Amino acid sequence: MKKDISKRFYPMWLVSPAVVIYALFFIVPVILSLFLSFTDWNLHRIMSPSFVGFKNFIILFKDGIFVKAIFNTLLFASTTTVLKTVFGLLLALALIKKFRGNSILRTLYYLPCVLSTVVIGVLFTAILDTDGLMNNLLGAIGLEQVATNWLGSYGTAITSVILIESWIWAGFCMFIFISGLQAIPKDYYECADIEGCSKFQQFFKITLPLLVPSFTVVITLNISGALKVFDLIYVLTNGGPGFDTQVLNTYTYRAFGLGLLGESAASAIILSIIVVAISFILNLKLKSKEVEM
């Protein structure tokens, strides 16, 4: 009897350290943030916050910068997810077949994923500056009139950040799609060849439907990660010019730095709700479209 009980509870001892760490660094902060978002907690009332209800949330949605941050966050997440998914799929289709240099190309495309985002941000800040590499190259080929401070206006700044983010993670998406492509049985393509189906038809009738699980993973990971973007925006533009490229995480960080701790907590809660809601809906929709091999 004692042996049966010990066997039954033995796995719990294995997971208990992870549960404790998860609770300490995730569940407890979330509960505290949720509580503090309904208070006027700030640097002047740090030891005696009082309950103010939904006041912080009302203040946030009346703030034009916060509304702009929500728009930028959704724009960044949607566009980068599409670009990373498309580029990752194209790279996977190009590198799925074995040829000389295949491994080298896969490594090169994956390399940005393992580099520090801060290092990449500093590097591209130098490239896109007024006196940076980009403008020097444009001047060298006689396109001085095109040269500009690429991070100095909203359109070029947000476009630059989106393209850099897509470049960083396209290689990661590539490997997920390569795994999905390798899992598709070759028999399907052999039968399609016998039936006289073209490569174009095979791609849309066999490859894409059977890659839906890979799309589920790629899209869910990318959308949730992009909604939480902070470091790349902070290093490249710091939310500027002005407040044009603020996203929810940089807005939360800015509010916290100003001592508006209650508003900062409310902003973090809104971001969490957006991330959970969008990720859940996307995952549910994509799961419903998966087919068995």
Protein backbone atom coordinates (compact mmCIF):
# COMPACT_ATOMS: atom_id res chain seq x y z
CA MET A 1 0.00 0.00 0.00
CA LYS A 2 2.77 2.42 0.97
CA LYS A 3 4.64 1.55 -2.21
CA ASP A 4 1.54 2.31 -4.33
CA ILE A 5 1.12 5.70 -2.61
CA SER A 6 4.80 6.56 -3.06
CA LYS A 7 4.64 5.63 -6.74
CA ARG A 8 1.50 7.72 -7.18
CA PHE A 9 3.00 10.84 -5.59
CA TYR A 10 6.58 10.41 -6.76
CA PRO A 11 6.05 12.39 -10.01
CA MET A 12 4.70 15.30 -7.96
CA TRP A 13 8.05 15.62 -6.23
CA LEU A 14 9.69 15.91 -9.61
CA VAL A 15 7.50 18.78 -10.79
CA SER A 16 7.24 20.60 -7.46
CA PRO A 17 10.41 22.74 -7.97
CA ALA A 18 9.11 23.90 -11.36
CA VAL A 19 5.66 24.61 -9.89
CA VAL A 20 7.17 26.67 -7.07
CA ILE A 21 9.34 28.70 -9.44
CA TYR A 22 6.41 29.21 -11.84
CA ALA A 23 4.14 30.34 -9.01
CA LEU A 24 6.78 32.63 -7.51
CA PHE A 25 7.80 34.36 -10.72
CA PHE A 26 4.55 34.28 -12.71
CA ILE A 27 1.37 33.59 -10.77
CA VAL A 28 2.19 35.78 -7.75
CA PRO A 29 3.29 38.81 -9.87
CA VAL A 30 0.17 38.49 -12.04
CA ILE A 31 -2.12 38.43 -8.99
CA LEU A 32 -0.28 41.40 -7.43
CA SER A 33 -0.43 43.34 -10.72
CA LEU A 34 -4.14 42.65 -11.05
CA PHE A 35 -4.74 43.92 -7.50
CA LEU A 36 -2.50 46.98 -7.88
CA SER A 37 -4.08 47.95 -11.22
CA PHE A 38 -7.19 48.94 -9.25
CA THR A 39 -5.25 51.20 -6.85
CA ASP A 40 -3.58 54.63 -7.03
CA TRP A 41 -0.22 53.07 -6.20
CA ASN A 42 2.63 55.46 -7.03
CA LEU A 43 5.93 56.66 -5.61
CA HIS A 44 4.16 59.07 -3.25
CA ARG A 45 1.79 56.38 -1.94
CA ILE A 46 4.08 53.39 -2.24
CA MET A 47 3.22 52.03 1.22
CA SER A 48 -0.44 53.05 1.33
CA PRO A 49 -2.20 52.58 -2.01
CA SER A 50 -5.95 53.09 -2.01
CA PHE A 51 -8.60 51.39 -4.14
CA VAL A 52 -9.75 53.50 -7.13
CA GLY A 53 -11.67 50.92 -9.15
CA PHE A 54 -11.37 51.20 -12.95
CA LYS A 55 -9.92 54.72 -12.83
CA ASN A 56 -6.48 53.64 -14.10
CA PHE A 57 -8.03 51.81 -17.07
CA ILE A 58 -10.21 54.83 -17.93
CA ILE A 59 -7.15 57.12 -17.78
CA LEU A 60 -5.22 54.78 -20.08
CA PHE A 61 -7.89 54.63 -22.78
CA LYS A 62 -8.22 58.42 -22.68
CA ASP A 63 -4.48 58.73 -23.28
CA GLY A 64 -3.72 59.13 -27.01
CA ILE A 65 -0.24 57.68 -26.53
CA PHE A 66 -1.67 54.49 -25.02
CA VAL A 67 -4.17 54.10 -27.87
CA LYS A 68 -1.32 54.62 -30.32
CA ALA A 69 0.69 51.99 -28.45
CA ILE A 70 -2.14 49.46 -28.84
CA PHE A 71 -2.36 50.21 -32.57
CA ASN A 72 1.42 49.88 -33.00
CA THR A 73 1.47 46.63 -31.04
CA LEU A 74 -1.26 45.06 -33.18
CA LEU A 75 0.32 46.39 -36.39
CA PHE A 76 3.75 45.08 -35.41
CA ALA A 77 2.40 41.67 -34.34
CA SER A 78 0.24 41.11 -37.43
CA THR A 79 2.76 42.24 -40.06
CA THR A 80 5.77 40.51 -38.52
CA THR A 81 3.82 37.28 -38.10
CA VAL A 82 2.81 37.30 -41.76
CA LEU A 83 6.34 38.15 -42.96
CA LYS A 84 8.08 35.61 -40.70
CA THR A 85 5.62 32.90 -41.70
CA VAL A 86 5.96 33.59 -45.43
CA PHE A 87 9.76 33.98 -45.38
CA GLY A 88 10.15 30.93 -43.13
CA LEU A 89 8.02 28.79 -45.44
CA LEU A 90 9.88 29.93 -48.56
CA LEU A 91 13.25 29.21 -46.93
CA ALA A 92 12.04 25.79 -45.80
CA LEU A 93 10.84 24.89 -49.30
CA ALA A 94 14.17 26.03 -50.74
CA LEU A 95 16.34 24.18 -48.20
CA ILE A 96 14.33 21.00 -47.64
CA LYS A 97 16.22 19.22 -50.42
CA LYS A 98 19.80 18.12 -49.80
CA PHE A 99 22.50 19.85 -51.79
CA ARG A 100 26.04 21.04 -51.24
CA GLY A 101 26.06 23.98 -48.82
CA ASN A 102 22.58 23.18 -47.48
CA SER A 103 23.72 22.98 -43.85
CA ILE A 104 25.73 26.20 -44.15
CA LEU A 105 22.74 28.12 -45.51
CA ARG A 106 20.45 26.76 -42.79
CA THR A 107 22.95 27.86 -40.15
CA LEU A 108 23.29 31.33 -41.66
CA TYR A 109 19.54 31.88 -41.79
CA TYR A 110 19.12 30.62 -38.23
CA LEU A 111 22.07 32.61 -36.84
CA PRO A 112 20.13 35.87 -36.10
CA CYS A 113 17.88 33.93 -33.68
CA VAL A 114 20.77 33.17 -31.35
CA LEU A 115 22.24 36.68 -31.39
CA SER A 116 21.34 39.16 -28.68
CA THR A 117 18.44 41.40 -29.71
CA VAL A 118 20.21 44.32 -28.02
CA VAL A 119 23.34 43.72 -30.11
CA ILE A 120 21.24 43.52 -33.29
CA GLY A 121 19.41 46.72 -32.30
CA VAL A 122 22.66 48.62 -31.70
CA LEU A 123 24.06 47.33 -35.00
CA PHE A 124 21.03 48.44 -37.02
CA THR A 125 20.91 51.76 -35.19
CA ALA A 126 24.35 52.47 -36.63
CA ILE A 127 23.31 51.23 -40.07
CA LEU A 128 20.09 53.29 -40.25
CA ASP A 129 21.44 56.50 -38.71
CA THR A 130 21.75 59.70 -40.77
CA ASP A 131 25.49 59.08 -41.19
CA GLY A 132 25.09 55.32 -41.15
CA LEU A 133 25.99 52.58 -43.60
CA MET A 134 22.66 52.68 -45.45
CA ASN A 135 22.94 56.35 -46.40
CA ASN A 136 26.62 55.98 -47.28
CA LEU A 137 25.77 53.14 -49.66
CA LEU A 138 22.97 55.18 -51.22
CA GLY A 139 25.38 58.08 -51.69
CA ALA A 140 27.97 55.80 -53.27
CA ILE A 141 25.52 54.71 -55.98
CA GLY A 142 24.24 58.23 -56.63
CA LEU A 143 21.00 58.11 -54.64
CA GLU A 144 21.80 60.84 -52.12
CA GLN A 145 18.27 62.23 -52.46
CA VAL A 146 16.85 59.00 -51.06
CA ALA A 147 19.05 59.13 -47.95
CA THR A 148 17.27 59.99 -44.71
CA ASN A 149 17.30 59.26 -41.01
CA TRP A 150 15.47 55.95 -41.27
CA LEU A 151 14.56 55.95 -37.59
CA GLY A 152 13.63 59.64 -37.53
CA SER A 153 10.05 59.44 -38.87
CA TYR A 154 7.14 57.16 -38.04
CA GLY A 155 6.77 55.47 -41.44
CA THR A 156 10.41 54.50 -41.94
CA ALA A 157 10.97 53.74 -38.24
CA ILE A 158 8.08 51.30 -37.83
CA THR A 159 8.84 49.70 -41.21
CA SER A 160 12.50 49.25 -40.24
CA VAL A 161 11.61 47.64 -36.93
CA ILE A 162 9.12 45.29 -38.59
CA LEU A 163 11.63 44.18 -41.25
CA ILE A 164 14.43 43.66 -38.72
CA GLU A 165 12.17 41.57 -36.46
CA SER A 166 11.10 39.48 -39.47
CA TRP A 167 14.74 38.97 -40.50
CA ILE A 168 15.69 37.82 -37.00
CA TRP A 169 13.04 35.11 -36.63
CA ALA A 170 12.48 33.90 -40.21
CA GLY A 171 15.17 31.25 -39.70
CA PHE A 172 13.42 29.93 -36.59
CA CYS A 173 10.17 29.56 -38.55
CA MET A 174 12.14 27.89 -41.34
CA PHE A 175 13.24 25.03 -39.07
CA ILE A 176 9.70 24.44 -37.80
CA PHE A 177 8.44 24.22 -41.39
CA ILE A 178 11.35 21.94 -42.37
CA SER A 179 10.34 19.58 -39.55
CA GLY A 180 6.75 19.67 -40.80
CA LEU A 181 7.79 19.01 -44.41
CA GLN A 182 9.98 16.07 -43.39
CA ALA A 183 7.05 14.51 -41.51
CA ILE A 184 4.84 14.37 -44.64
CA PRO A 185 4.92 10.81 -46.07
CA LYS A 186 6.49 10.60 -49.53
CA ASP A 187 3.74 8.18 -50.60
CA TYR A 188 1.31 11.06 -51.01
CA TYR A 189 3.52 12.76 -53.58
CA GLU A 190 4.20 9.48 -55.41
CA CYS A 191 0.45 8.84 -55.71
CA ALA A 192 -0.07 12.41 -56.90
CA ASP A 193 2.61 11.97 -59.58
CA ILE A 194 0.90 8.79 -60.78
CA GLU A 195 -2.42 10.69 -60.97
CA GLY A 196 -0.73 13.37 -63.06
CA CYS A 197 -0.95 16.20 -60.51
CA SER A 198 1.39 19.11 -61.10
CA LYS A 199 3.82 20.38 -58.44
CA PHE A 200 1.57 23.40 -58.03
CA GLN A 201 -1.45 21.18 -57.30
CA GLN A 202 0.59 18.98 -54.95
CA PHE A 203 1.65 22.04 -52.96
CA PHE A 204 -1.89 23.30 -52.40
CA LYS A 205 -3.61 19.91 -52.06
CA ILE A 206 -0.99 17.99 -50.04
CA THR A 207 1.76 20.19 -48.61
CA LEU A 208 -0.24 23.12 -47.25
CA PRO A 209 -3.05 21.07 -45.61
CA LEU A 210 -0.53 18.77 -43.90
CA LEU A 211 1.57 21.75 -42.76
CA VAL A 212 -1.30 23.26 -40.76
CA PRO A 213 0.15 21.93 -37.43
CA SER A 214 3.40 23.73 -38.26
CA PHE A 215 1.44 26.88 -39.11
CA THR A 216 -0.32 26.58 -35.75
CA VAL A 217 3.00 26.51 -33.88
CA VAL A 218 4.62 29.25 -35.98
CA ILE A 219 1.70 31.68 -35.92
CA THR A 220 0.91 31.18 -32.23
CA LEU A 221 4.53 31.62 -31.13
CA ASN A 222 5.09 34.61 -33.40
CA ILE A 223 1.90 36.48 -32.54
CA SER A 224 2.34 36.01 -28.79
CA GLY A 225 6.01 36.98 -28.95
CA ALA A 226 5.42 40.02 -31.16
CA LEU A 227 2.63 41.33 -28.92
CA LYS A 228 5.14 41.35 -26.07
CA VAL A 229 7.92 43.10 -28.02
CA PHE A 230 10.08 45.44 -25.96
CA ASP A 231 13.84 45.16 -26.40
CA LEU A 232 14.04 45.74 -30.17
CA ILE A 233 11.77 48.80 -30.04
CA TYR A 234 13.55 50.14 -26.96
CA VAL A 235 17.03 49.86 -28.50
CA LEU A 236 16.16 51.03 -32.01
CA THR A 237 13.71 53.89 -31.41
CA ASN A 238 12.99 54.03 -27.66
CA GLY A 239 9.36 54.57 -28.69
CA GLY A 240 10.24 57.56 -30.84
CA PRO A 241 10.37 59.77 -32.74
CA GLY A 242 8.34 61.42 -30.01
CA PHE A 243 5.91 58.68 -28.96
CA ASP A 244 5.18 57.44 -32.49
CA THR A 245 6.55 53.90 -32.16
CA GLN A 246 5.45 53.22 -28.59
CA VAL A 247 4.13 49.70 -28.03
CA LEU A 248 2.35 48.38 -24.95
CA ASN A 249 5.50 47.10 -23.25
CA THR A 250 7.46 50.32 -23.79
CA TYR A 251 4.44 52.32 -22.59
CA THR A 252 4.25 50.15 -19.45
CA TYR A 253 7.98 50.61 -18.86
CA ARG A 254 7.67 54.38 -19.34
CA ALA A 255 4.73 54.61 -16.90
CA PHE A 256 6.66 52.58 -14.34
CA GLY A 257 9.69 54.85 -14.77
CA LEU A 258 7.50 57.91 -14.13
CA GLY A 259 6.32 56.38 -10.87
CA LEU A 260 2.76 55.70 -12.10
CA LEU A 261 2.81 52.19 -10.72
CA GLY A 262 -0.95 51.63 -10.72
CA GLU A 263 -1.29 52.73 -14.36
CA SER A 264 1.75 50.63 -15.27
CA ALA A 265 0.12 47.56 -13.69
CA ALA A 266 -3.16 48.30 -15.52
CA SER A 267 -1.28 48.57 -18.82
CA ALA A 268 0.42 45.22 -18.17
CA ILE A 269 -2.94 43.58 -17.41
CA ILE A 270 -4.43 44.92 -20.66
CA LEU A 271 -1.45 43.54 -22.59
CA SER A 272 -1.84 40.15 -20.89
CA ILE A 273 -5.53 40.00 -21.80
CA ILE A 274 -4.76 40.88 -25.44
CA VAL A 275 -2.00 38.24 -25.69
CA VAL A 276 -4.09 35.47 -24.11
CA ALA A 277 -7.24 36.29 -26.10
CA ILE A 278 -5.56 36.52 -29.51
CA SER A 279 -3.33 33.47 -28.94
CA PHE A 280 -6.29 31.38 -27.73
CA ILE A 281 -8.54 32.34 -30.66
CA LEU A 282 -5.81 31.77 -33.26
CA ASN A 283 -4.81 28.44 -31.75
CA LEU A 284 -8.45 27.32 -31.65
CA LYS A 285 -9.09 28.32 -35.28
CA LEU A 286 -5.89 26.73 -36.60
CA LYS A 287 -6.39 23.52 -34.60
CA SER A 288 -9.80 23.08 -36.20
CA LYS A 289 -8.17 23.08 -39.66
CA GLU A 290 -5.56 20.42 -38.90
CA VAL A 291 -5.86 17.13 -40.75
CA GLU A 292 -4.40 13.75 -39.86
CA MET A 293 -1.75 12.19 -42.06
